[in-house]
Amino acid sequence: MTHFNPQFIHTPYEPGVSLRADVYARQFSVVVAGTTTYPEDDLNCGTYTREETYSVCTGATLSEVITQITEISQRRAWAFRDEEKDYYDAELGHDCGPVSFFAQSVCINDRLGRKVLGGCIRNGKIFWIIPVKDNAAAAKLHQQCDALLAEAAFESGWDNFSTAKTLRREARQLLLADVAPFWRQHPEVLALMEPELFDVQDPEVLAAYAV
């Protein structure tokens, strides 16, 4: 009988914790959000878009996933089509799968699903957002978001759907700064990203998130 002895590796992110090697190798995961374009059932009617998210990559360290997502974003190499899926619809007579993806934001999560860092994307460049420092800052951020969403609901009630969409997008952008308490002011995040961090209200960031 063969006995499997799994290897355990100490993780520098959790004092006194060692993880099985395969778990250690994917401590962090990256998710990208944006709009995916699909063909209409009747190709003469053009296309439509949907807001969607995609899992992009995983890694053992923050620096590893940051390097990976930076390269993917620069190359616009988003895997928005499932290579193993057949998108052809025999009844319609054409491929009904996604034809393009426009990335808007990205989030790094840890193995417990906690947000580590968020950023928005423009022309392949990722603008990493300065995380909130404490609960008070997070509460203020959510108050601003709630106000924007309330305004968006009001505008929708008056059929101002474009304005409502913009307001909801602004709210999502603000929330990019709301990371999990464990990762607020985390020394490795600051050491890795401090030269590249942007304020969520920075004009360049606002332009990056605008569509």
N, C-alpha and C. Protein backbone atom coordinates (compact mmCIF):
# COMPACT_ATOMS: atom_id res chain seq x y z
N MET A 1 0.85 -1.20 0.00
CA MET A 1 0.00 0.00 0.00
C MET A 1 0.89 1.25 0.00
N THR A 2 0.53 2.20 -0.88
CA THR A 2 1.30 3.44 -0.96
C THR A 2 0.71 4.48 -0.02
N HIS A 3 1.56 5.05 0.80
CA HIS A 3 1.10 6.09 1.72
C HIS A 3 1.51 7.46 1.18
N PHE A 4 0.54 8.36 1.12
CA PHE A 4 0.80 9.72 0.64
C PHE A 4 1.05 10.64 1.82
N ASN A 5 2.24 11.22 1.86
CA ASN A 5 2.59 12.15 2.93
C ASN A 5 2.63 13.56 2.36
N PRO A 6 1.56 14.30 2.54
CA PRO A 6 1.51 15.65 1.96
C PRO A 6 2.56 16.58 2.57
N GLN A 7 3.07 17.45 1.75
CA GLN A 7 4.05 18.43 2.21
C GLN A 7 3.32 19.67 2.71
N PHE A 8 3.78 20.19 3.84
CA PHE A 8 3.20 21.40 4.40
C PHE A 8 4.24 22.52 4.37
N ILE A 9 3.76 23.73 4.04
CA ILE A 9 4.65 24.89 3.92
C ILE A 9 4.13 26.01 4.81
N HIS A 10 5.02 26.61 5.56
CA HIS A 10 4.63 27.74 6.42
C HIS A 10 4.24 28.93 5.55
N THR A 11 3.10 29.51 5.84
CA THR A 11 2.67 30.70 5.12
C THR A 11 3.07 31.96 5.90
N PRO A 12 3.70 32.91 5.25
CA PRO A 12 4.12 34.13 5.94
C PRO A 12 2.97 35.07 6.27
N TYR A 13 1.78 34.77 5.74
CA TYR A 13 0.63 35.66 5.92
C TYR A 13 -0.19 35.34 7.16
N GLU A 14 0.01 34.15 7.74
CA GLU A 14 -0.76 33.76 8.92
C GLU A 14 0.21 33.16 9.94
N PRO A 15 0.53 33.90 10.99
CA PRO A 15 1.50 33.43 11.98
C PRO A 15 1.17 32.04 12.53
N GLY A 16 2.15 31.15 12.52
CA GLY A 16 1.97 29.82 13.09
C GLY A 16 1.16 28.87 12.25
N VAL A 17 0.87 29.23 11.00
CA VAL A 17 0.05 28.38 10.14
C VAL A 17 0.88 27.80 9.01
N SER A 18 0.74 26.49 8.80
CA SER A 18 1.35 25.82 7.66
C SER A 18 0.23 25.24 6.80
N LEU A 19 0.40 25.34 5.49
CA LEU A 19 -0.63 24.88 4.56
C LEU A 19 -0.11 23.73 3.71
N ARG A 20 -1.02 22.84 3.35
CA ARG A 20 -0.66 21.79 2.43
C ARG A 20 -0.13 22.43 1.14
N ALA A 21 0.84 21.84 0.51
CA ALA A 21 1.54 22.46 -0.62
C ALA A 21 0.59 22.94 -1.71
N ASP A 22 -0.43 22.14 -2.04
CA ASP A 22 -1.34 22.54 -3.11
C ASP A 22 -2.20 23.72 -2.71
N VAL A 23 -2.52 23.82 -1.42
CA VAL A 23 -3.29 24.97 -0.93
C VAL A 23 -2.40 26.20 -0.89
N TYR A 24 -1.17 26.02 -0.44
CA TYR A 24 -0.20 27.12 -0.40
C TYR A 24 -0.01 27.73 -1.79
N ALA A 25 0.01 26.89 -2.80
CA ALA A 25 0.28 27.35 -4.17
C ALA A 25 -0.83 28.23 -4.74
N ARG A 26 -2.01 28.22 -4.09
CA ARG A 26 -3.11 29.04 -4.57
C ARG A 26 -3.72 29.85 -3.42
N GLN A 27 -2.86 30.41 -2.59
CA GLN A 27 -3.34 31.23 -1.47
C GLN A 27 -4.12 32.46 -1.93
N PHE A 28 -3.77 32.96 -3.11
CA PHE A 28 -4.42 34.17 -3.61
C PHE A 28 -5.05 33.90 -4.98
N SER A 29 -6.18 34.52 -5.21
CA SER A 29 -6.86 34.39 -6.50
C SER A 29 -7.27 35.77 -6.99
N VAL A 30 -7.37 35.89 -8.30
CA VAL A 30 -7.69 37.18 -8.92
C VAL A 30 -8.95 37.05 -9.75
N VAL A 31 -9.86 38.01 -9.57
CA VAL A 31 -11.12 38.04 -10.32
C VAL A 31 -11.20 39.38 -11.05
N VAL A 32 -11.56 39.33 -12.32
CA VAL A 32 -11.73 40.55 -13.11
C VAL A 32 -13.21 40.74 -13.41
N ALA A 33 -13.66 41.98 -13.39
CA ALA A 33 -15.06 42.31 -13.69
C ALA A 33 -15.11 43.28 -14.86
N GLY A 34 -16.16 43.16 -15.65
CA GLY A 34 -16.29 44.06 -16.79
C GLY A 34 -17.53 43.72 -17.60
N THR A 35 -17.54 44.13 -18.85
CA THR A 35 -18.69 43.88 -19.72
C THR A 35 -18.29 42.94 -20.86
N THR A 36 -19.10 41.90 -21.04
CA THR A 36 -18.88 40.93 -22.10
C THR A 36 -19.89 41.18 -23.21
N THR A 37 -19.41 41.14 -24.45
CA THR A 37 -20.27 41.35 -25.61
C THR A 37 -20.67 40.02 -26.23
N TYR A 38 -21.98 39.88 -26.52
CA TYR A 38 -22.52 38.67 -27.13
C TYR A 38 -23.29 39.04 -28.41
N PRO A 39 -23.36 38.12 -29.36
CA PRO A 39 -24.17 38.39 -30.56
C PRO A 39 -25.65 38.19 -30.25
N GLU A 40 -26.47 39.01 -30.85
CA GLU A 40 -27.92 38.82 -30.74
C GLU A 40 -28.31 37.53 -31.47
N ASP A 41 -29.47 36.97 -31.10
CA ASP A 41 -29.94 35.77 -31.80
C ASP A 41 -30.06 36.03 -33.29
N ASP A 42 -30.55 37.22 -33.62
CA ASP A 42 -30.59 37.65 -35.01
C ASP A 42 -29.36 38.50 -35.25
N LEU A 43 -28.41 37.99 -36.02
CA LEU A 43 -27.14 38.69 -36.21
C LEU A 43 -27.32 40.07 -36.85
N ASN A 44 -28.43 40.27 -37.53
CA ASN A 44 -28.69 41.58 -38.14
C ASN A 44 -28.96 42.65 -37.08
N CYS A 45 -29.26 42.19 -35.87
CA CYS A 45 -29.56 43.13 -34.78
C CYS A 45 -28.31 43.52 -33.98
N GLY A 46 -27.15 42.99 -34.39
CA GLY A 46 -25.91 43.39 -33.73
C GLY A 46 -25.58 42.58 -32.49
N THR A 47 -25.21 43.28 -31.42
CA THR A 47 -24.75 42.62 -30.20
C THR A 47 -25.38 43.25 -28.96
N TYR A 48 -25.19 42.59 -27.83
CA TYR A 48 -25.61 43.14 -26.54
C TYR A 48 -24.51 42.85 -25.53
N THR A 49 -24.54 43.53 -24.38
CA THR A 49 -23.50 43.35 -23.36
C THR A 49 -24.09 42.92 -22.04
N ARG A 50 -23.27 42.21 -21.26
CA ARG A 50 -23.64 41.80 -19.91
C ARG A 50 -22.46 42.07 -18.98
N GLU A 51 -22.77 42.48 -17.76
CA GLU A 51 -21.72 42.66 -16.75
C GLU A 51 -21.40 41.30 -16.15
N GLU A 52 -20.12 40.90 -16.21
CA GLU A 52 -19.73 39.58 -15.75
C GLU A 52 -18.37 39.61 -15.07
N THR A 53 -18.07 38.56 -14.33
CA THR A 53 -16.76 38.41 -13.69
C THR A 53 -16.12 37.09 -14.14
N TYR A 54 -14.80 37.08 -14.14
CA TYR A 54 -14.06 35.88 -14.53
C TYR A 54 -12.90 35.66 -13.57
N SER A 55 -12.66 34.40 -13.23
CA SER A 55 -11.47 34.05 -12.46
C SER A 55 -10.27 34.10 -13.41
N VAL A 56 -9.21 34.76 -12.98
CA VAL A 56 -8.09 35.01 -13.88
C VAL A 56 -6.88 34.14 -13.58
N CYS A 57 -6.43 34.15 -12.32
CA CYS A 57 -5.23 33.40 -11.97
C CYS A 57 -5.16 33.18 -10.46
N THR A 58 -4.27 32.30 -10.05
CA THR A 58 -4.01 32.05 -8.64
C THR A 58 -2.51 32.04 -8.42
N GLY A 59 -2.11 32.17 -7.15
CA GLY A 59 -0.68 32.16 -6.86
C GLY A 59 -0.41 31.98 -5.38
N ALA A 60 0.84 31.69 -5.06
CA ALA A 60 1.24 31.45 -3.68
C ALA A 60 1.51 32.73 -2.92
N THR A 61 1.87 33.79 -3.63
CA THR A 61 2.22 35.05 -2.96
C THR A 61 1.52 36.22 -3.64
N LEU A 62 1.46 37.33 -2.92
CA LEU A 62 0.87 38.53 -3.50
C LEU A 62 1.66 39.01 -4.70
N SER A 63 2.99 39.01 -4.57
CA SER A 63 3.82 39.48 -5.68
C SER A 63 3.61 38.63 -6.92
N GLU A 64 3.39 37.33 -6.72
CA GLU A 64 3.19 36.42 -7.86
C GLU A 64 1.91 36.75 -8.61
N VAL A 65 0.79 36.93 -7.88
CA VAL A 65 -0.47 37.20 -8.57
C VAL A 65 -0.49 38.60 -9.15
N ILE A 66 0.17 39.55 -8.50
CA ILE A 66 0.24 40.91 -9.04
C ILE A 66 1.00 40.90 -10.36
N THR A 67 2.10 40.16 -10.42
CA THR A 67 2.85 40.04 -11.67
C THR A 67 2.02 39.39 -12.76
N GLN A 68 1.31 38.31 -12.39
CA GLN A 68 0.48 37.60 -13.38
C GLN A 68 -0.62 38.49 -13.94
N ILE A 69 -1.37 39.15 -13.05
CA ILE A 69 -2.51 39.94 -13.51
C ILE A 69 -2.04 41.17 -14.29
N THR A 70 -0.90 41.71 -13.92
CA THR A 70 -0.36 42.86 -14.65
C THR A 70 -0.04 42.46 -16.09
N GLU A 71 0.60 41.31 -16.27
CA GLU A 71 0.95 40.84 -17.61
C GLU A 71 -0.30 40.51 -18.42
N ILE A 72 -1.27 39.86 -17.79
CA ILE A 72 -2.51 39.50 -18.49
C ILE A 72 -3.25 40.76 -18.93
N SER A 73 -3.32 41.74 -18.04
CA SER A 73 -4.02 42.98 -18.37
C SER A 73 -3.33 43.74 -19.49
N GLN A 74 -2.01 43.80 -19.45
CA GLN A 74 -1.28 44.50 -20.50
C GLN A 74 -1.48 43.87 -21.87
N ARG A 75 -1.61 42.54 -21.89
CA ARG A 75 -1.82 41.82 -23.15
C ARG A 75 -3.30 41.68 -23.51
N ARG A 76 -4.18 42.15 -22.60
CA ARG A 76 -5.63 41.96 -22.77
C ARG A 76 -5.96 40.50 -23.01
N ALA A 77 -5.25 39.62 -22.33
CA ALA A 77 -5.42 38.18 -22.55
C ALA A 77 -6.45 37.59 -21.60
N TRP A 78 -7.66 38.15 -21.62
CA TRP A 78 -8.72 37.69 -20.73
C TRP A 78 -9.35 36.42 -21.28
N ALA A 79 -9.45 35.39 -20.46
CA ALA A 79 -10.03 34.12 -20.89
C ALA A 79 -11.54 34.15 -20.70
N PHE A 80 -12.23 34.90 -21.56
CA PHE A 80 -13.67 35.05 -21.41
C PHE A 80 -14.45 33.98 -22.17
N ARG A 81 -13.76 33.17 -22.95
CA ARG A 81 -14.40 32.04 -23.63
C ARG A 81 -13.86 30.73 -23.06
N ASP A 82 -14.78 29.82 -22.77
CA ASP A 82 -14.42 28.50 -22.26
C ASP A 82 -14.01 27.64 -23.45
N GLU A 83 -12.72 27.28 -23.51
CA GLU A 83 -12.21 26.53 -24.65
C GLU A 83 -12.86 25.16 -24.80
N GLU A 84 -13.44 24.64 -23.73
CA GLU A 84 -14.05 23.32 -23.78
C GLU A 84 -15.55 23.37 -24.06
N LYS A 85 -16.08 24.56 -24.20
CA LYS A 85 -17.53 24.71 -24.41
C LYS A 85 -17.84 24.97 -25.88
N ASP A 86 -18.88 24.32 -26.37
CA ASP A 86 -19.35 24.53 -27.74
C ASP A 86 -20.45 25.59 -27.71
N TYR A 87 -20.17 26.77 -28.27
CA TYR A 87 -21.13 27.87 -28.24
C TYR A 87 -22.06 27.88 -29.46
N TYR A 88 -21.87 26.93 -30.35
CA TYR A 88 -22.69 26.93 -31.58
C TYR A 88 -24.12 26.51 -31.27
N ASP A 89 -25.07 27.31 -31.76
CA ASP A 89 -26.49 27.00 -31.60
C ASP A 89 -27.03 26.52 -32.95
N ALA A 90 -27.38 25.24 -33.01
CA ALA A 90 -27.83 24.65 -34.28
C ALA A 90 -29.11 25.30 -34.78
N GLU A 91 -30.00 25.67 -33.85
CA GLU A 91 -31.28 26.27 -34.26
C GLU A 91 -31.07 27.65 -34.86
N LEU A 92 -30.17 28.44 -34.25
CA LEU A 92 -29.91 29.79 -34.76
C LEU A 92 -28.91 29.78 -35.91
N GLY A 93 -28.08 28.73 -35.94
CA GLY A 93 -27.12 28.61 -37.02
C GLY A 93 -25.87 29.44 -36.88
N HIS A 94 -25.52 29.80 -35.64
CA HIS A 94 -24.28 30.55 -35.45
C HIS A 94 -23.76 30.41 -34.03
N ASP A 95 -22.54 30.85 -33.84
CA ASP A 95 -21.89 30.85 -32.52
C ASP A 95 -22.57 31.91 -31.64
N CYS A 96 -23.04 31.50 -30.48
CA CYS A 96 -23.73 32.43 -29.57
C CYS A 96 -22.85 32.83 -28.39
N GLY A 97 -21.60 32.44 -28.42
CA GLY A 97 -20.69 32.73 -27.32
C GLY A 97 -20.20 34.16 -27.31
N PRO A 98 -19.49 34.54 -26.25
CA PRO A 98 -18.98 35.90 -26.13
C PRO A 98 -17.97 36.22 -27.23
N VAL A 99 -18.02 37.47 -27.71
CA VAL A 99 -17.11 37.87 -28.79
C VAL A 99 -16.02 38.81 -28.30
N SER A 100 -16.24 39.47 -27.17
CA SER A 100 -15.21 40.35 -26.62
C SER A 100 -15.49 40.62 -25.15
N PHE A 101 -14.46 41.11 -24.46
CA PHE A 101 -14.61 41.44 -23.04
C PHE A 101 -13.86 42.73 -22.76
N PHE A 102 -14.55 43.66 -22.08
CA PHE A 102 -13.96 44.94 -21.70
C PHE A 102 -13.76 44.94 -20.19
N ALA A 103 -12.52 44.81 -19.75
CA ALA A 103 -12.22 44.74 -18.31
C ALA A 103 -12.32 46.11 -17.67
N GLN A 104 -12.97 46.16 -16.50
CA GLN A 104 -13.15 47.42 -15.78
C GLN A 104 -12.47 47.44 -14.42
N SER A 105 -12.52 46.32 -13.71
CA SER A 105 -11.93 46.30 -12.37
C SER A 105 -11.39 44.92 -12.05
N VAL A 106 -10.55 44.87 -11.04
CA VAL A 106 -9.92 43.61 -10.64
C VAL A 106 -9.81 43.57 -9.13
N CYS A 107 -9.94 42.37 -8.56
CA CYS A 107 -9.81 42.18 -7.12
C CYS A 107 -8.93 40.97 -6.83
N ILE A 108 -8.07 41.13 -5.83
CA ILE A 108 -7.27 40.01 -5.33
C ILE A 108 -7.92 39.56 -4.03
N ASN A 109 -8.19 38.25 -3.93
CA ASN A 109 -8.76 37.67 -2.71
C ASN A 109 -7.81 36.64 -2.13
N ASP A 110 -7.88 36.46 -0.81
CA ASP A 110 -7.04 35.43 -0.19
C ASP A 110 -7.79 34.09 -0.19
N ARG A 111 -7.17 33.08 0.41
CA ARG A 111 -7.74 31.73 0.35
C ARG A 111 -9.06 31.61 1.13
N LEU A 112 -9.34 32.58 2.00
CA LEU A 112 -10.59 32.58 2.76
C LEU A 112 -11.65 33.46 2.12
N GLY A 113 -11.34 33.97 0.91
CA GLY A 113 -12.30 34.80 0.21
C GLY A 113 -12.31 36.25 0.63
N ARG A 114 -11.31 36.67 1.42
CA ARG A 114 -11.25 38.05 1.87
C ARG A 114 -10.55 38.93 0.82
N LYS A 115 -11.12 40.11 0.58
CA LYS A 115 -10.50 41.01 -0.40
C LYS A 115 -9.20 41.58 0.14
N VAL A 116 -8.16 41.48 -0.67
CA VAL A 116 -6.83 41.97 -0.30
C VAL A 116 -6.58 43.34 -0.92
N LEU A 117 -6.96 43.48 -2.18
CA LEU A 117 -6.66 44.70 -2.92
C LEU A 117 -7.59 44.79 -4.12
N GLY A 118 -8.00 46.00 -4.46
CA GLY A 118 -8.85 46.21 -5.63
C GLY A 118 -8.26 47.26 -6.54
N GLY A 119 -8.61 47.20 -7.80
CA GLY A 119 -8.10 48.19 -8.74
C GLY A 119 -9.01 48.31 -9.95
N CYS A 120 -8.88 49.40 -10.68
CA CYS A 120 -9.64 49.56 -11.91
C CYS A 120 -8.65 49.56 -13.08
N ILE A 121 -9.18 49.31 -14.27
CA ILE A 121 -8.35 49.07 -15.43
C ILE A 121 -8.69 50.05 -16.55
N ARG A 122 -7.63 50.59 -17.16
CA ARG A 122 -7.83 51.45 -18.33
C ARG A 122 -6.70 51.20 -19.31
N ASN A 123 -7.08 50.85 -20.53
CA ASN A 123 -6.10 50.59 -21.59
C ASN A 123 -5.02 49.60 -21.15
N GLY A 124 -5.43 48.60 -20.40
CA GLY A 124 -4.50 47.58 -19.96
C GLY A 124 -3.73 47.90 -18.69
N LYS A 125 -3.81 49.14 -18.23
CA LYS A 125 -3.11 49.54 -17.01
C LYS A 125 -4.01 49.37 -15.80
N ILE A 126 -3.48 48.77 -14.75
CA ILE A 126 -4.24 48.59 -13.52
C ILE A 126 -3.90 49.71 -12.54
N PHE A 127 -4.93 50.38 -12.06
CA PHE A 127 -4.78 51.42 -11.04
C PHE A 127 -5.20 50.81 -9.71
N TRP A 128 -4.23 50.39 -8.92
CA TRP A 128 -4.53 49.78 -7.62
C TRP A 128 -4.97 50.86 -6.65
N ILE A 129 -6.07 50.59 -5.95
CA ILE A 129 -6.70 51.60 -5.09
C ILE A 129 -6.19 51.50 -3.64
N ILE A 130 -5.93 52.66 -3.04
CA ILE A 130 -5.51 52.70 -1.64
C ILE A 130 -6.62 52.12 -0.77
N PRO A 131 -6.35 51.07 0.00
CA PRO A 131 -7.40 50.47 0.85
C PRO A 131 -7.80 51.40 2.00
N VAL A 132 -9.02 51.23 2.48
CA VAL A 132 -9.44 51.98 3.67
C VAL A 132 -8.55 51.56 4.85
N LYS A 133 -8.37 52.48 5.80
CA LYS A 133 -7.46 52.21 6.92
C LYS A 133 -8.13 51.56 8.12
N ASP A 134 -9.44 51.84 8.30
CA ASP A 134 -10.11 51.34 9.50
C ASP A 134 -11.61 51.24 9.28
N ASN A 135 -12.33 50.81 10.32
CA ASN A 135 -13.78 50.63 10.21
C ASN A 135 -14.50 51.95 9.96
N ALA A 136 -13.99 53.03 10.54
CA ALA A 136 -14.63 54.33 10.35
C ALA A 136 -14.58 54.75 8.88
N ALA A 137 -13.42 54.54 8.26
CA ALA A 137 -13.27 54.88 6.85
C ALA A 137 -14.15 53.99 5.98
N ALA A 138 -14.26 52.71 6.37
CA ALA A 138 -15.10 51.78 5.61
C ALA A 138 -16.57 52.17 5.73
N ALA A 139 -16.98 52.58 6.93
CA ALA A 139 -18.37 52.98 7.14
C ALA A 139 -18.70 54.22 6.31
N LYS A 140 -17.78 55.17 6.27
CA LYS A 140 -17.98 56.39 5.47
C LYS A 140 -18.10 56.04 3.99
N LEU A 141 -17.28 55.10 3.56
CA LEU A 141 -17.30 54.67 2.17
C LEU A 141 -18.65 54.06 1.81
N HIS A 142 -19.18 53.23 2.70
CA HIS A 142 -20.46 52.58 2.44
C HIS A 142 -21.60 53.59 2.48
N GLN A 143 -21.48 54.62 3.29
CA GLN A 143 -22.50 55.67 3.30
C GLN A 143 -22.54 56.38 1.95
N GLN A 144 -21.36 56.65 1.40
CA GLN A 144 -21.28 57.28 0.09
C GLN A 144 -21.89 56.37 -0.98
N CYS A 145 -21.61 55.08 -0.88
CA CYS A 145 -22.15 54.12 -1.84
C CYS A 145 -23.67 54.04 -1.74
N ASP A 146 -24.17 54.00 -0.52
CA ASP A 146 -25.62 53.94 -0.32
C ASP A 146 -26.30 55.17 -0.92
N ALA A 147 -25.67 56.33 -0.77
CA ALA A 147 -26.23 57.56 -1.34
C ALA A 147 -26.27 57.49 -2.86
N LEU A 148 -25.20 56.98 -3.45
CA LEU A 148 -25.14 56.84 -4.90
C LEU A 148 -26.18 55.86 -5.41
N LEU A 149 -26.35 54.74 -4.70
CA LEU A 149 -27.32 53.74 -5.12
C LEU A 149 -28.75 54.24 -4.97
N ALA A 150 -28.99 55.03 -3.93
CA ALA A 150 -30.31 55.62 -3.75
C ALA A 150 -30.61 56.59 -4.88
N GLU A 151 -29.61 57.37 -5.26
CA GLU A 151 -29.77 58.31 -6.37
C GLU A 151 -29.99 57.55 -7.68
N ALA A 152 -29.28 56.43 -7.82
CA ALA A 152 -29.44 55.61 -9.03
C ALA A 152 -30.86 55.05 -9.12
N ALA A 153 -31.40 54.61 -7.98
CA ALA A 153 -32.76 54.09 -7.96
C ALA A 153 -33.76 55.18 -8.34
N PHE A 154 -33.51 56.40 -7.85
CA PHE A 154 -34.39 57.53 -8.19
C PHE A 154 -34.36 57.81 -9.69
N GLU A 155 -33.15 57.82 -10.26
CA GLU A 155 -33.01 58.10 -11.69
C GLU A 155 -33.66 57.00 -12.53
N SER A 156 -33.54 55.75 -12.08
CA SER A 156 -34.19 54.65 -12.81
C SER A 156 -35.69 54.82 -12.82
N GLY A 157 -36.23 55.33 -11.68
CA GLY A 157 -37.67 55.56 -11.59
C GLY A 157 -38.17 56.57 -12.61
N TRP A 158 -37.25 57.44 -13.06
CA TRP A 158 -37.61 58.44 -14.07
C TRP A 158 -37.09 58.04 -15.45
N ASP A 159 -36.76 56.75 -15.58
CA ASP A 159 -36.28 56.19 -16.86
C ASP A 159 -34.96 56.79 -17.33
N ASN A 160 -34.21 57.36 -16.40
CA ASN A 160 -32.88 57.87 -16.74
C ASN A 160 -31.85 56.76 -16.52
N PHE A 161 -31.96 55.73 -17.36
CA PHE A 161 -31.19 54.50 -17.13
C PHE A 161 -29.69 54.70 -17.30
N SER A 162 -29.29 55.56 -18.22
CA SER A 162 -27.87 55.80 -18.43
C SER A 162 -27.25 56.47 -17.21
N THR A 163 -27.97 57.45 -16.65
CA THR A 163 -27.49 58.14 -15.45
C THR A 163 -27.42 57.17 -14.28
N ALA A 164 -28.44 56.33 -14.15
CA ALA A 164 -28.48 55.34 -13.07
C ALA A 164 -27.32 54.36 -13.18
N LYS A 165 -27.02 53.94 -14.41
CA LYS A 165 -25.92 53.01 -14.63
C LYS A 165 -24.59 53.64 -14.22
N THR A 166 -24.40 54.91 -14.55
CA THR A 166 -23.17 55.62 -14.18
C THR A 166 -23.03 55.72 -12.66
N LEU A 167 -24.14 56.01 -11.98
CA LEU A 167 -24.11 56.13 -10.52
C LEU A 167 -23.79 54.79 -9.86
N ARG A 168 -24.34 53.72 -10.37
CA ARG A 168 -24.05 52.39 -9.81
C ARG A 168 -22.58 52.03 -10.05
N ARG A 169 -22.06 52.44 -11.20
CA ARG A 169 -20.65 52.18 -11.49
C ARG A 169 -19.75 52.94 -10.52
N GLU A 170 -20.14 54.18 -10.20
CA GLU A 170 -19.36 54.97 -9.25
C GLU A 170 -19.35 54.31 -7.88
N ALA A 171 -20.50 53.74 -7.50
CA ALA A 171 -20.58 53.05 -6.21
C ALA A 171 -19.66 51.83 -6.18
N ARG A 172 -19.65 51.07 -7.26
CA ARG A 172 -18.77 49.90 -7.34
C ARG A 172 -17.30 50.33 -7.28
N GLN A 173 -17.01 51.44 -7.90
CA GLN A 173 -15.62 51.92 -7.87
C GLN A 173 -15.19 52.27 -6.45
N LEU A 174 -16.05 52.94 -5.71
CA LEU A 174 -15.72 53.29 -4.33
C LEU A 174 -15.42 52.04 -3.50
N LEU A 175 -16.18 50.98 -3.74
CA LEU A 175 -16.02 49.77 -2.95
C LEU A 175 -14.72 49.01 -3.25
N LEU A 176 -14.03 49.40 -4.30
CA LEU A 176 -12.74 48.78 -4.57
C LEU A 176 -11.76 49.04 -3.42
N ALA A 177 -11.99 50.11 -2.68
CA ALA A 177 -11.10 50.46 -1.56
C ALA A 177 -11.44 49.72 -0.28
N ASP A 178 -12.59 49.05 -0.27
CA ASP A 178 -13.04 48.38 0.97
C ASP A 178 -12.50 46.96 1.03
N VAL A 179 -11.32 46.81 1.61
CA VAL A 179 -10.72 45.48 1.73
C VAL A 179 -11.02 44.91 3.11
N ALA A 180 -10.73 43.63 3.26
CA ALA A 180 -10.99 42.95 4.53
C ALA A 180 -10.12 43.56 5.64
N PRO A 181 -10.65 43.65 6.88
CA PRO A 181 -9.88 44.24 7.99
C PRO A 181 -8.48 43.63 8.15
N PHE A 182 -8.35 42.34 7.91
CA PHE A 182 -7.05 41.69 8.07
C PHE A 182 -5.99 42.31 7.16
N TRP A 183 -6.41 42.78 5.98
CA TRP A 183 -5.46 43.28 5.00
C TRP A 183 -5.32 44.79 4.98
N ARG A 184 -6.07 45.48 5.81
CA ARG A 184 -5.93 46.94 5.87
C ARG A 184 -4.57 47.30 6.48
N GLN A 185 -3.82 48.13 5.78
CA GLN A 185 -2.51 48.57 6.25
C GLN A 185 -1.55 47.38 6.45
N HIS A 186 -1.79 46.31 5.74
CA HIS A 186 -0.90 45.16 5.84
C HIS A 186 0.47 45.55 5.29
N PRO A 187 1.55 45.30 6.02
CA PRO A 187 2.87 45.76 5.59
C PRO A 187 3.30 45.25 4.22
N GLU A 188 2.94 44.01 3.88
CA GLU A 188 3.37 43.50 2.56
C GLU A 188 2.61 44.18 1.43
N VAL A 189 1.33 44.43 1.65
CA VAL A 189 0.55 45.13 0.62
C VAL A 189 1.15 46.51 0.39
N LEU A 190 1.43 47.21 1.48
CA LEU A 190 1.98 48.56 1.36
C LEU A 190 3.38 48.54 0.74
N ALA A 191 4.19 47.57 1.13
CA ALA A 191 5.55 47.50 0.61
C ALA A 191 5.55 47.19 -0.89
N LEU A 192 4.65 46.30 -1.31
CA LEU A 192 4.59 45.91 -2.71
C LEU A 192 3.98 46.99 -3.58
N MET A 193 2.94 47.65 -3.06
CA MET A 193 2.11 48.48 -3.90
C MET A 193 2.19 49.98 -3.66
N GLU A 194 2.85 50.41 -2.58
CA GLU A 194 2.79 51.83 -2.21
C GLU A 194 3.10 52.78 -3.36
N PRO A 195 4.13 52.53 -4.18
CA PRO A 195 4.41 53.46 -5.28
C PRO A 195 3.32 53.46 -6.35
N GLU A 196 2.49 52.41 -6.38
CA GLU A 196 1.50 52.26 -7.44
C GLU A 196 0.07 52.50 -6.97
N LEU A 197 -0.12 52.81 -5.70
CA LEU A 197 -1.48 52.97 -5.18
C LEU A 197 -2.06 54.33 -5.56
N PHE A 198 -3.36 54.33 -5.87
CA PHE A 198 -4.07 55.54 -6.25
C PHE A 198 -5.26 55.74 -5.32
N ASP A 199 -5.58 57.01 -5.08
CA ASP A 199 -6.80 57.30 -4.33
C ASP A 199 -8.00 57.00 -5.20
N VAL A 200 -9.05 56.47 -4.60
CA VAL A 200 -10.23 56.07 -5.37
C VAL A 200 -10.88 57.25 -6.06
N GLN A 201 -10.63 58.48 -5.56
CA GLN A 201 -11.21 59.67 -6.17
C GLN A 201 -10.23 60.39 -7.09
N ASP A 202 -9.06 59.81 -7.32
CA ASP A 202 -8.07 60.39 -8.22
C ASP A 202 -8.68 60.54 -9.61
N PRO A 203 -8.51 61.72 -10.26
CA PRO A 203 -9.10 61.93 -11.59
C PRO A 203 -8.70 60.86 -12.61
N GLU A 204 -7.44 60.39 -12.52
CA GLU A 204 -6.99 59.36 -13.45
C GLU A 204 -7.72 58.05 -13.21
N VAL A 205 -8.00 57.78 -11.95
CA VAL A 205 -8.75 56.57 -11.60
C VAL A 205 -10.19 56.69 -12.06
N LEU A 206 -10.78 57.86 -11.84
CA LEU A 206 -12.16 58.07 -12.27
C LEU A 206 -12.27 57.90 -13.78
N ALA A 207 -11.28 58.39 -14.51
CA ALA A 207 -11.28 58.24 -15.96
C ALA A 207 -11.13 56.78 -16.36
N ALA A 208 -10.34 56.07 -15.58
CA ALA A 208 -10.11 54.65 -15.90
C ALA A 208 -11.38 53.84 -15.77
N TYR A 209 -12.24 54.21 -14.82
CA TYR A 209 -13.43 53.42 -14.56
C TYR A 209 -14.62 53.87 -15.41
N ALA A 210 -14.48 55.01 -16.05
CA ALA A 210 -15.58 55.51 -16.87
C ALA A 210 -15.67 54.73 -18.17
N VAL A 211 -16.88 54.46 -18.60
CA VAL A 211 -17.11 53.74 -19.85
C VAL A 211 -18.07 54.54 -20.71
